[in-house]
Amino acid sequence: MRVISGKYKGRNLKGFDIDGTRPTMDRVKESMFASIQNKIKDSVVLDLFAGSGALGIEALSNGAKEVYFIDNNTEIEKILKDNLKGIESYKIIITDYNKALKSFRDNSIKFDIILLDPPYDRHFVNKILDFIYDNNLLNEGGIVVTEYETEKVKSDKFRIYKTKRYGHKTVTIFDIV
């Protein structure tokens, strides 16, 4: 697993073998970031369910101003710190995604890009999309990039900007209606 583009292109990343993580394949990540390239520069990004941090690090590599890495797996913190060595402008928060989202709401922290790649079997995407919208967590022009497998993802609060299937996985990019 590696960073595929930008300033840190080629950097090897650890953590693909940690129990409970499921890294995004390079070809999926490459297509995903090509689709949002014009939104990344100087953006504030939330990498929810960060795992190894591959998606958030890709955003930093491509010019994001700051990335918040959220994961509830305590093993992930050391891996994230290792993967982020020599990189600035990030915060690692080891906590439950609900607590993190409520904290962002309570502290009026908003994002330009939210990377949402939860465990596939939990079917969190619709619930989180509703929370993001209802609590105004996106800046104007912001997007939510989701990766999921079997979940039926739909929202009357967001519109689908782009969607693409990669085998069993689907990546959908939402913006506000």
Protein backbone atom coordinates (compact mmCIF):
# COMPACT_ATOMS: atom_id res chain seq x y z
CA MET A 1 0.00 0.00 0.00
CA ARG A 2 1.39 3.37 -1.00
CA VAL A 3 0.59 7.00 -1.69
CA ILE A 4 -0.29 7.17 -5.38
CA SER A 5 0.02 10.86 -6.26
CA GLY A 6 1.19 14.28 -5.15
CA LYS A 7 3.96 15.41 -2.87
CA TYR A 8 4.31 12.06 -1.04
CA LYS A 9 3.83 9.85 -4.11
CA GLY A 10 5.44 6.43 -3.66
CA ARG A 11 5.53 6.58 0.16
CA ASN A 12 4.85 3.13 1.60
CA LEU A 13 2.10 2.94 4.18
CA LYS A 14 1.75 0.48 7.04
CA GLY A 15 -1.46 -0.92 8.49
CA PHE A 16 -3.05 -2.92 5.73
CA ASP A 17 -2.80 -6.02 7.90
CA ILE A 18 -4.37 -4.67 11.10
CA ASP A 19 -7.48 -6.58 12.15
CA GLY A 20 -10.58 -4.59 11.28
CA THR A 21 -8.97 -2.49 8.53
CA ARG A 22 -9.75 -2.83 4.86
CA PRO A 23 -7.52 -0.59 2.76
CA THR A 24 -8.83 1.02 -0.40
CA MET A 25 -7.22 -0.59 -3.45
CA ASP A 26 -4.76 1.64 -5.33
CA ARG A 27 -6.80 1.70 -8.53
CA VAL A 28 -9.93 2.71 -6.59
CA LYS A 29 -8.02 5.37 -4.68
CA GLU A 30 -6.49 6.71 -7.90
CA SER A 31 -9.88 7.03 -9.58
CA MET A 32 -11.44 8.52 -6.44
CA PHE A 33 -8.80 11.22 -6.12
CA ALA A 34 -8.85 12.00 -9.84
CA SER A 35 -12.58 12.70 -9.44
CA ILE A 36 -12.08 15.16 -6.57
CA GLN A 37 -8.71 16.65 -7.56
CA ASN A 38 -10.14 20.14 -8.07
CA LYS A 39 -11.58 20.16 -4.52
CA ILE A 40 -8.46 19.12 -2.58
CA LYS A 41 -6.13 22.13 -2.61
CA ASP A 42 -6.32 24.05 0.69
CA SER A 43 -9.25 21.92 1.90
CA VAL A 44 -10.05 20.79 5.42
CA VAL A 45 -10.63 17.04 5.27
CA LEU A 46 -12.22 14.52 7.62
CA ASP A 47 -10.99 10.93 7.20
CA LEU A 48 -13.67 9.12 9.18
CA PHE A 49 -12.86 5.45 9.92
CA ALA A 50 -9.27 6.34 8.96
CA GLY A 51 -7.59 2.97 9.44
CA SER A 52 -4.04 3.32 8.07
CA GLY A 53 -4.83 6.88 6.99
CA ALA A 54 -4.27 6.14 3.31
CA LEU A 55 -7.13 8.33 2.11
CA GLY A 56 -6.33 11.30 4.34
CA ILE A 57 -2.61 11.06 3.56
CA GLU A 58 -3.46 11.04 -0.15
CA ALA A 59 -5.43 14.27 0.44
CA LEU A 60 -2.46 15.85 2.26
CA SER A 61 -0.15 14.70 -0.53
CA ASN A 62 -2.37 16.53 -3.01
CA GLY A 63 -2.53 19.85 -1.16
CA ALA A 64 -5.15 19.57 1.60
CA LYS A 65 -4.62 22.21 4.29
CA GLU A 66 -5.51 19.93 7.21
CA VAL A 67 -6.82 16.41 7.78
CA TYR A 68 -8.59 15.01 10.83
CA PHE A 69 -8.01 11.25 11.15
CA ILE A 70 -10.72 9.51 13.19
CA ASP A 71 -10.66 5.84 14.19
CA ASN A 72 -11.69 3.96 17.33
CA ASN A 73 -9.02 1.24 17.06
CA THR A 74 -6.26 2.06 19.55
CA GLU A 75 -3.75 0.00 17.51
CA ILE A 76 -4.22 2.47 14.66
CA GLU A 77 -2.74 5.48 16.47
CA LYS A 78 0.88 4.23 16.28
CA ILE A 79 0.45 3.19 12.64
CA LEU A 80 -1.04 6.56 11.74
CA LYS A 81 1.84 8.36 13.46
CA ASP A 82 4.35 6.20 11.58
CA ASN A 83 2.59 6.77 8.26
CA LEU A 84 2.44 10.53 8.92
CA LYS A 85 6.14 10.98 9.86
CA GLY A 86 7.45 14.09 8.16
CA ILE A 87 3.96 15.29 7.26
CA GLU A 88 2.30 18.26 8.96
CA SER A 89 -1.20 19.68 9.31
CA TYR A 90 -3.18 16.81 10.77
CA LYS A 91 -4.95 15.70 13.93
CA ILE A 92 -5.35 12.08 15.02
CA ILE A 93 -8.37 11.42 17.22
CA ILE A 94 -8.90 7.92 18.56
CA THR A 95 -12.58 7.76 19.41
CA ASP A 96 -15.93 6.47 18.26
CA TYR A 97 -17.18 8.13 15.07
CA ASN A 98 -20.38 9.33 16.81
CA LYS A 99 -18.41 11.14 19.51
CA ALA A 100 -16.14 12.70 16.89
CA LEU A 101 -19.03 13.95 14.76
CA LYS A 102 -20.82 15.41 17.80
CA SER A 103 -17.60 17.10 18.91
CA PHE A 104 -17.16 18.68 15.47
CA ARG A 105 -20.77 19.89 15.62
CA ASP A 106 -20.38 21.25 19.14
CA ASN A 107 -17.14 23.05 18.22
CA SER A 108 -18.43 24.38 14.88
CA ILE A 109 -15.76 22.52 12.89
CA LYS A 110 -16.71 22.12 9.24
CA PHE A 111 -15.09 20.30 6.35
CA ASP A 112 -14.60 20.74 2.64
CA ILE A 113 -14.20 16.99 2.06
CA ILE A 114 -15.41 14.10 4.19
CA LEU A 115 -13.92 10.69 3.35
CA LEU A 116 -16.37 8.10 4.60
CA ASP A 117 -15.21 4.48 4.41
CA PRO A 118 -16.89 2.63 7.31
CA PRO A 119 -16.84 -1.12 7.88
CA TYR A 120 -19.01 -2.52 5.09
CA ASP A 121 -21.06 -4.79 7.34
CA ARG A 122 -22.23 -1.96 9.60
CA HIS A 123 -24.31 0.03 7.07
CA PHE A 124 -23.47 3.45 8.56
CA VAL A 125 -23.38 5.58 5.40
CA ASN A 126 -27.01 6.80 5.31
CA LYS A 127 -27.04 7.58 9.03
CA ILE A 128 -23.78 9.53 8.78
CA LEU A 129 -24.90 11.42 5.67
CA ASP A 130 -28.01 12.54 7.56
CA PHE A 131 -25.94 13.64 10.57
CA ILE A 132 -23.51 15.58 8.36
CA TYR A 133 -26.35 17.42 6.65
CA ASP A 134 -28.54 17.97 9.73
CA ASN A 135 -25.60 19.35 11.71
CA ASN A 136 -24.10 21.48 8.94
CA LEU A 137 -20.66 19.82 8.96
CA LEU A 138 -19.84 20.67 5.32
CA ASN A 139 -18.59 24.01 4.09
CA GLU A 140 -20.30 25.51 1.06
CA GLY A 141 -19.26 23.50 -1.99
CA GLY A 142 -18.16 20.59 0.20
CA ILE A 143 -18.37 16.93 -0.76
CA VAL A 144 -18.69 13.55 0.92
CA VAL A 145 -16.80 10.66 -0.67
CA THR A 146 -18.23 7.28 0.36
CA GLU A 147 -17.01 3.75 -0.19
CA TYR A 148 -19.37 0.87 0.52
CA GLU A 149 -20.28 -2.61 -0.63
CA THR A 150 -23.86 -3.87 -0.22
CA GLU A 151 -25.49 -0.96 1.60
CA LYS A 152 -28.33 0.80 -0.23
CA VAL A 153 -27.03 4.36 -0.05
CA LYS A 154 -29.53 7.11 -0.78
CA SER A 155 -30.14 10.63 0.43
CA ASP A 156 -32.72 13.27 -0.27
CA LYS A 157 -30.41 15.86 1.30
CA PHE A 158 -27.42 15.24 -0.96
CA ARG A 159 -27.18 14.71 -4.69
CA ILE A 160 -24.91 12.18 -6.34
CA TYR A 161 -22.06 14.03 -7.99
CA LYS A 162 -20.46 10.82 -9.28
CA THR A 163 -20.72 7.09 -8.62
CA LYS A 164 -18.66 4.16 -9.86
CA ARG A 165 -18.51 0.43 -9.13
CA TYR A 166 -15.24 -1.45 -8.65
CA GLY A 167 -16.13 -5.13 -8.44
CA HIS A 168 -18.11 -5.46 -5.19
CA LYS A 169 -17.29 -1.92 -4.01
CA THR A 170 -19.02 1.31 -4.92
CA VAL A 171 -17.58 4.80 -4.55
CA THR A 172 -20.14 7.60 -4.54
CA ILE A 173 -19.35 11.29 -4.24
CA PHE A 174 -22.14 13.44 -2.82
CA ASP A 175 -22.57 17.19 -2.72
CA ILE A 176 -25.37 19.22 -1.16
CA VAL A 177 -28.61 19.57 -3.15
